[in-house]
Protein backbone atom coordinates (compact mmCIF):
# COMPACT_ATOMS: atom_id res chain seq x y z
CA UNK A 1 -13.96 -15.39 4.71
CA UNK A 2 -11.54 -13.48 6.97
CA UNK A 3 -9.19 -15.96 8.65
CA UNK A 4 -8.02 -15.00 12.14
CA UNK A 5 -5.40 -16.19 14.63
CA UNK A 6 -6.39 -15.21 18.18
CA UNK A 7 -3.74 -14.83 20.88
CA UNK A 8 -4.35 -14.19 24.59
CA UNK A 9 -2.77 -15.89 27.59
CA UNK A 10 -6.13 -16.07 29.42
CA UNK A 11 -8.28 -18.94 28.17
CA UNK A 12 -11.52 -17.33 29.32
CA UNK A 13 -10.72 -14.21 27.30
CA UNK A 14 -10.02 -16.30 24.21
CA UNK A 15 -13.39 -18.01 24.65
CA UNK A 16 -15.14 -14.65 24.85
CA UNK A 17 -13.35 -13.06 21.91
CA UNK A 18 -13.79 -16.18 19.82
CA UNK A 19 -17.53 -16.10 20.54
CA UNK A 20 -17.68 -12.46 19.42
CA UNK A 21 -15.78 -13.15 16.22
CA UNK A 22 -17.72 -16.33 15.47
CA UNK A 23 -20.93 -14.27 15.48
CA UNK A 24 -19.69 -12.52 12.34
CA UNK A 25 -20.60 -14.53 9.21
CA UNK A 26 -17.43 -13.46 7.39
CA UNK A 27 -14.90 -14.22 10.16
CA UNK A 28 -13.33 -17.57 11.04
CA UNK A 29 -10.88 -18.18 13.91
CA UNK A 30 -8.45 -20.72 12.47
CA UNK A 31 -6.12 -21.00 15.47
CA UNK A 32 -5.61 -19.83 19.05
CA UNK A 33 -2.41 -19.09 20.94
CA UNK A 34 -1.60 -18.43 24.60
CA UNK A 35 1.62 -16.46 24.09
CA UNK A 36 3.28 -14.13 21.65
CA UNK A 37 5.68 -16.82 20.49
CA UNK A 38 2.93 -19.35 19.83
CA UNK A 39 1.00 -16.61 18.02
CA UNK A 40 3.89 -16.09 15.62
CA UNK A 41 4.11 -19.86 15.08
CA UNK A 42 0.37 -20.04 14.42
CA UNK A 43 0.57 -17.23 11.87
CA UNK A 44 3.39 -18.99 10.04
CA UNK A 45 1.42 -22.24 10.05
CA UNK A 46 -1.97 -20.87 9.01
CA UNK A 47 -1.16 -17.62 7.13
CA UNK A 48 -4.31 -15.83 8.38
CA UNK A 49 -5.57 -12.48 7.19
CA UNK A 50 -5.44 -10.99 10.69
CA UNK A 51 -3.73 -11.80 13.98
CA UNK A 52 -5.61 -10.51 17.04
CA UNK A 53 -3.01 -10.08 19.76
CA UNK A 54 -3.32 -9.26 23.44
CA UNK A 55 -0.56 -6.90 24.59
CA UNK A 56 0.28 -8.50 27.91
CA UNK A 57 1.43 -12.06 27.31
CA UNK A 58 4.31 -14.00 28.87
CA UNK A 59 7.65 -14.05 27.10
CA UNK A 60 7.07 -12.35 23.78
CA UNK A 61 4.34 -9.76 24.28
CA UNK A 62 1.71 -8.84 21.69
CA UNK A 63 3.57 -5.84 20.29
CA UNK A 64 6.83 -7.75 19.85
CA UNK A 65 4.82 -10.56 18.26
CA UNK A 66 3.29 -8.02 15.86
CA UNK A 67 6.78 -6.95 14.79
CA UNK A 68 7.83 -10.55 14.11
CA UNK A 69 4.59 -11.27 12.26
CA UNK A 70 5.08 -8.24 10.04
CA UNK A 71 8.57 -9.47 9.15
CA UNK A 72 7.73 -13.15 8.70
CA UNK A 73 4.18 -12.90 7.36
CA UNK A 74 3.74 -9.44 5.84
CA UNK A 75 0.35 -10.37 4.36
CA UNK A 76 -1.08 -10.81 7.86
CA UNK A 77 -2.45 -7.67 9.50
CA UNK A 78 -2.27 -7.21 13.26
CA UNK A 79 -4.99 -5.97 15.60
CA UNK A 80 -3.89 -5.22 19.16
CA UNK A 81 -6.39 -6.11 21.89
CA UNK A 82 -5.97 -4.86 25.45
CA UNK A 83 -7.74 -3.88 28.63
CA UNK A 84 -5.60 -0.79 29.04
CA UNK A 85 -5.94 2.45 27.06
CA UNK A 86 -2.46 3.41 28.21
CA UNK A 87 -0.77 6.16 26.18
CA UNK A 88 2.55 4.33 26.24
CA UNK A 89 0.97 1.16 24.85
CA UNK A 90 -0.89 3.10 22.19
CA UNK A 91 2.22 4.99 21.11
CA UNK A 92 4.26 1.81 20.97
CA UNK A 93 1.57 -0.02 19.00
CA UNK A 94 1.38 2.74 16.43
CA UNK A 95 5.15 3.02 16.25
CA UNK A 96 5.54 -0.72 15.69
CA UNK A 97 3.14 -0.65 12.75
CA UNK A 98 0.08 -2.36 14.21
CA UNK A 99 -2.97 -2.09 11.96
CA UNK A 100 -5.42 -1.41 14.76
CA UNK A 101 -5.93 -1.06 18.50
CA UNK A 102 -9.10 -2.25 20.25
CA UNK A 103 -10.08 -2.24 23.93
CA UNK A 104 -11.47 -5.39 25.53
CA UNK A 105 -13.69 -3.14 27.64
CA UNK A 106 -15.28 -1.52 24.58
CA UNK A 107 -18.23 -2.54 22.46
CA UNK A 108 -17.68 -6.15 21.26
CA UNK A 109 -18.64 -5.04 17.77
CA UNK A 110 -15.46 -2.95 17.73
CA UNK A 111 -13.42 -6.16 17.61
CA UNK A 112 -15.32 -7.33 14.53
CA UNK A 113 -15.03 -3.89 12.94
CA UNK A 114 -11.30 -3.86 13.68
CA UNK A 115 -10.75 -7.30 12.14
CA UNK A 116 -12.68 -6.33 9.02
CA UNK A 117 -10.83 -3.03 8.68
CA UNK A 118 -7.37 -4.54 9.09
CA UNK A 119 -8.21 -7.42 6.72
CA UNK A 120 -9.30 -4.87 4.13
CA UNK A 121 -6.05 -2.96 4.39
CA UNK A 122 -7.53 -0.13 6.46
CA UNK A 123 -6.55 1.16 9.89
CA UNK A 124 -8.79 0.90 12.94
CA UNK A 125 -8.73 2.49 16.38
CA UNK A 126 -11.45 2.09 18.98
CA UNK A 127 -13.22 5.46 19.32
CA UNK A 128 -11.84 5.94 22.85
CA UNK A 129 -8.32 5.17 21.65
CA UNK A 130 -8.67 7.50 18.66
CA UNK A 131 -9.77 10.31 20.97
CA UNK A 132 -6.81 9.72 23.31
CA UNK A 133 -4.39 9.78 20.39
CA UNK A 134 -5.78 13.02 19.00
CA UNK A 135 -6.03 14.64 22.44
CA UNK A 136 -2.49 13.54 23.29
CA UNK A 137 -1.09 15.01 20.10
CA UNK A 138 -3.13 18.18 20.55
CA UNK A 139 -1.68 18.65 24.01
CA UNK A 140 1.83 18.90 22.62
CA UNK A 141 1.28 22.08 20.66
CA UNK A 142 -1.11 23.82 18.30
CA UNK A 143 -2.83 21.90 15.57
CA UNK A 144 -0.65 21.66 12.50
CA UNK A 145 -1.43 23.93 9.60
CA UNK A 146 -2.21 22.02 6.42
CA UNK A 147 0.97 23.15 4.72
CA UNK A 148 3.16 22.00 7.61
CA UNK A 149 2.86 18.31 6.78
CA UNK A 150 0.96 17.65 3.56
CA UNK A 151 2.22 20.39 1.27
CA UNK A 152 3.96 17.77 -0.87
CA UNK A 153 0.71 15.91 -1.58
CA UNK A 154 -1.46 16.56 -4.61
CA UNK A 155 -5.13 17.47 -4.21
CA UNK A 156 -6.11 13.89 -5.05
CA UNK A 157 -3.58 12.46 -2.58
CA UNK A 158 -5.02 14.68 0.15
CA UNK A 159 -8.47 13.39 -0.72
CA UNK A 160 -7.23 9.80 -0.44
CA UNK A 161 -5.49 10.60 2.86
CA UNK A 162 -8.76 11.97 4.23
CA UNK A 163 -10.56 8.76 3.27
CA UNK A 164 -7.79 6.67 4.85
CA UNK A 165 -8.27 8.73 7.99
CA UNK A 166 -11.99 8.00 7.88
CA UNK A 167 -11.18 4.29 8.02
CA UNK A 168 -12.02 3.30 4.44
CA UNK A 169 -10.28 0.33 2.82
CA UNK A 170 -8.61 0.56 -0.58
CA UNK A 171 -11.66 -1.03 -2.21
CA UNK A 172 -14.01 1.46 -0.55
CA UNK A 173 -11.82 4.39 -1.54
CA UNK A 174 -11.71 3.13 -5.12
CA UNK A 175 -15.50 2.93 -5.22
CA UNK A 176 -15.84 6.40 -3.72
CA UNK A 177 -13.42 7.98 -6.20
CA UNK A 178 -14.49 5.85 -9.20
CA UNK A 179 -11.00 4.49 -9.84
CA UNK A 180 -9.52 0.98 -9.81
CA UNK A 181 -8.17 -0.41 -6.53
CA UNK A 182 -4.64 -0.62 -7.93
CA UNK A 183 -4.63 3.15 -8.42
CA UNK A 184 -5.59 3.64 -4.78
CA UNK A 185 -2.75 1.38 -3.67
CA UNK A 186 -0.31 3.57 -5.59
CA UNK A 187 -1.77 6.69 -3.98
CA UNK A 188 -1.53 5.19 -0.49
CA UNK A 189 2.08 4.07 -1.02
CA UNK A 190 2.99 7.55 -2.23
CA UNK A 191 1.25 9.15 0.74
CA UNK A 192 3.02 6.94 3.28
CA UNK A 193 6.36 7.69 1.66
CA UNK A 194 5.73 11.43 1.42
CA UNK A 195 4.56 11.67 5.05
CA UNK A 196 7.36 9.37 6.24
CA UNK A 197 4.95 7.18 8.22
CA UNK A 198 4.90 3.40 8.57
CA UNK A 199 1.27 2.56 8.14
CA UNK A 200 -2.30 3.71 7.64
CA UNK A 201 -2.90 4.31 11.34
CA UNK A 202 -0.10 6.86 11.45
CA UNK A 203 -1.35 8.38 8.20
CA UNK A 204 -4.83 8.66 9.73
CA UNK A 205 -3.37 10.62 12.63
CA UNK A 206 -1.81 13.04 10.15
CA UNK A 207 -5.20 13.39 8.48
CA UNK A 208 -6.70 14.43 11.82
CA UNK A 209 -3.85 16.75 12.74
CA UNK A 210 -3.88 18.60 9.43
CA UNK A 211 -7.63 19.12 9.36
CA UNK A 212 -8.54 16.63 6.65
CA UNK A 213 -10.79 14.86 9.17
CA UNK A 214 -12.96 17.00 11.46
CA UNK A 215 -12.73 16.28 15.17
CA UNK A 216 -15.91 15.51 17.04
């Protein structure tokens, strides 16, 4: 069972998101919070697998809460939930190491998919957000040649990076490559270090930009 802390300052939103998550047989909302600070407290008290955090909350916002959660409860992944597909928010979320970014206005199933992905150690971006990220990066210059960013990776590491970019968890990558999950964890750690990125979301962006993942 994936244990979730849900944080949003609007009670009606929490009711709706909780209903969506409760429809998934493998997800349980163990606590709710109405601010970033209370979300951090709830994570420390319940040690959930995932914290679903609204960006705009009074006092400590969702992104600042994600930073504190990563420091205080590193085993808890963070999924950012917002109404706004604002480039500044997206950039900040990715820079702060959030595990995923989902729009409230998107398909409700995206929230479930995001929670499952983050709980499994994978990255998740709503399709609209993923497109904005790729389009934004593309607008700042030509697409990177493969050797510009991933020349230090082995063939196998590039294969793993491509699967990370496709949204697969460590367990799914291990099954695909017929190796043990611990080996995949080593590959992913090496990839993050070699690319000088904080998390799998940023690594996934590199996978897109270097051609390891085709753009639709």
